[in-house]
Amino acid sequence: MPSLFGISIFTFILMLNVVMEVMERLFASDLPFISIIDYFFYATPGVLVQTIPMGAFLGVMLVLRWTFRDK
């Protein structure tokens, strides 16, 4: 569970950059909605490649902290 928490937090933070880029392009020109959805689908794997290891590491650190604190 802590790993999923870390992955979701890190993914949200890194996807904010993608959202800002999409909003900038959306207001600069008239993009179709399907192009925006495609951009999110193409950007998501690159973000997940970075966030899954960070979230797993955060989960391990949280579990180890709880384990050593309860000892």
C-alpha atoms as a PDB file:
ATOM      1  CA  MET A   1       0.000   0.000   0.000  1.00  0.00           C
ATOM      2  CA  PRO A   2       2.742   2.548   0.740  1.00  0.00           C
ATOM      3  CA  SER A   3       4.232   1.904  -2.706  1.00  0.00           C
ATOM      4  CA  LEU A   4       0.944   2.724  -4.415  1.00  0.00           C
ATOM      5  CA  PHE A   5       0.721   5.891  -2.364  1.00  0.00           C
ATOM      6  CA  GLY A   6       4.218   6.922  -3.460  1.00  0.00           C
ATOM      7  CA  ILE A   7       3.619   6.060  -7.100  1.00  0.00           C
ATOM      8  CA  SER A   8       0.379   8.031  -7.192  1.00  0.00           C
ATOM      9  CA  ILE A   9       1.908  11.098  -5.522  1.00  0.00           C
ATOM     10  CA  PHE A  10       4.979  11.139  -7.761  1.00  0.00           C
ATOM     11  CA  THR A  11       2.882  10.507 -10.884  1.00  0.00           C
ATOM     12  CA  PHE A  12       0.560  13.369  -9.979  1.00  0.00           C
ATOM     13  CA  ILE A  13       3.487  15.731  -9.469  1.00  0.00           C
ATOM     14  CA  LEU A  14       5.178  14.818 -12.750  1.00  0.00           C
ATOM     15  CA  MET A  15       1.910  14.815 -14.714  1.00  0.00           C
ATOM     16  CA  LEU A  16       1.316  18.426 -13.675  1.00  0.00           C
ATOM     17  CA  ASN A  17       4.012  19.397 -16.161  1.00  0.00           C
ATOM     18  CA  VAL A  18       2.178  17.505 -18.908  1.00  0.00           C
ATOM     19  CA  VAL A  19      -1.108  19.175 -17.962  1.00  0.00           C
ATOM     20  CA  MET A  20       0.503  22.601 -18.159  1.00  0.00           C
ATOM     21  CA  GLU A  21       1.930  21.832 -21.609  1.00  0.00           C
ATOM     22  CA  VAL A  22      -1.472  20.630 -22.829  1.00  0.00           C
ATOM     23  CA  MET A  23      -3.234  23.698 -21.459  1.00  0.00           C
ATOM     24  CA  GLU A  24      -0.667  25.953 -23.103  1.00  0.00           C
ATOM     25  CA  ARG A  25      -1.115  24.244 -26.456  1.00  0.00           C
ATOM     26  CA  LEU A  26      -4.880  24.178 -26.073  1.00  0.00           C
ATOM     27  CA  PHE A  27      -5.119  27.924 -25.523  1.00  0.00           C
ATOM     28  CA  ALA A  28      -2.534  28.731 -28.198  1.00  0.00           C
ATOM     29  CA  SER A  29      -4.367  26.854 -30.939  1.00  0.00           C
ATOM     30  CA  ASP A  30      -7.539  24.909 -31.524  1.00  0.00           C
ATOM     31  CA  LEU A  31      -6.604  21.302 -30.891  1.00  0.00           C
ATOM     32  CA  PRO A  32      -9.133  18.518 -31.209  1.00  0.00           C
ATOM     33  CA  PHE A  33      -9.992  16.716 -27.984  1.00  0.00           C
ATOM     34  CA  ILE A  34      -8.653  13.400 -29.296  1.00  0.00           C
ATOM     35  CA  SER A  35      -5.218  14.970 -29.784  1.00  0.00           C
ATOM     36  CA  ILE A  36      -5.156  16.004 -26.141  1.00  0.00           C
ATOM     37  CA  ILE A  37      -6.108  12.491 -25.011  1.00  0.00           C
ATOM     38  CA  ASP A  38      -3.436  11.015 -27.297  1.00  0.00           C
ATOM     39  CA  TYR A  39      -0.826  13.327 -25.814  1.00  0.00           C
ATOM     40  CA  PHE A  40      -1.703  12.142 -22.305  1.00  0.00           C
ATOM     41  CA  PHE A  41      -1.489   8.493 -23.388  1.00  0.00           C
ATOM     42  CA  TYR A  42       1.897   9.064 -25.012  1.00  0.00           C
ATOM     43  CA  ALA A  43       3.284  10.994 -22.031  1.00  0.00           C
ATOM     44  CA  THR A  44       2.071   8.601 -19.318  1.00  0.00           C
ATOM     45  CA  PRO A  45       4.546   5.706 -19.921  1.00  0.00           C
ATOM     46  CA  GLY A  46       7.522   8.071 -19.738  1.00  0.00           C
ATOM     47  CA  VAL A  47       6.254   9.441 -16.446  1.00  0.00           C
ATOM     48  CA  LEU A  48       5.543   5.973 -15.037  1.00  0.00           C
ATOM     49  CA  VAL A  49       9.059   4.798 -15.899  1.00  0.00           C
ATOM     50  CA  GLN A  50      10.341   7.476 -13.555  1.00  0.00           C
ATOM     51  CA  THR A  51       7.700   7.258 -10.820  1.00  0.00           C
ATOM     52  CA  ILE A  52       7.412   3.503 -10.279  1.00  0.00           C
ATOM     53  CA  PRO A  53      10.974   3.100  -8.936  1.00  0.00           C
ATOM     54  CA  MET A  54      10.630   6.247  -6.808  1.00  0.00           C
ATOM     55  CA  GLY A  55       7.302   5.062  -5.395  1.00  0.00           C
ATOM     56  CA  ALA A  56       8.658   1.573  -4.683  1.00  0.00           C
ATOM     57  CA  PHE A  57      11.658   3.064  -2.895  1.00  0.00           C
ATOM     58  CA  LEU A  58       9.422   5.348  -0.845  1.00  0.00           C
ATOM     59  CA  GLY A  59       7.227   2.367   0.069  1.00  0.00           C
ATOM     60  CA  VAL A  60      10.212   0.330   1.206  1.00  0.00           C
ATOM     61  CA  MET A  61      11.525   3.221   3.283  1.00  0.00           C
ATOM     62  CA  LEU A  62       8.127   3.732   4.954  1.00  0.00           C
ATOM     63  CA  VAL A  63       7.768   0.038   5.780  1.00  0.00           C
ATOM     64  CA  LEU A  64      11.300  -0.142   7.173  1.00  0.00           C
ATOM     65  CA  ARG A  65      10.645   2.928   9.291  1.00  0.00           C
ATOM     66  CA  TRP A  66       7.472   1.368  10.710  1.00  0.00           C
ATOM     67  CA  THR A  67       9.266  -1.935  11.305  1.00  0.00           C
ATOM     68  CA  PHE A  68      12.205  -0.430  13.182  1.00  0.00           C
ATOM     69  CA  ARG A  69       9.984   1.937  15.154  1.00  0.00           C
ATOM     70  CA  ASP A  70       7.821  -0.966  16.422  1.00  0.00           C
ATOM     71  CA  LYS A  71      10.849  -2.991  17.489  1.00  0.00           C
END
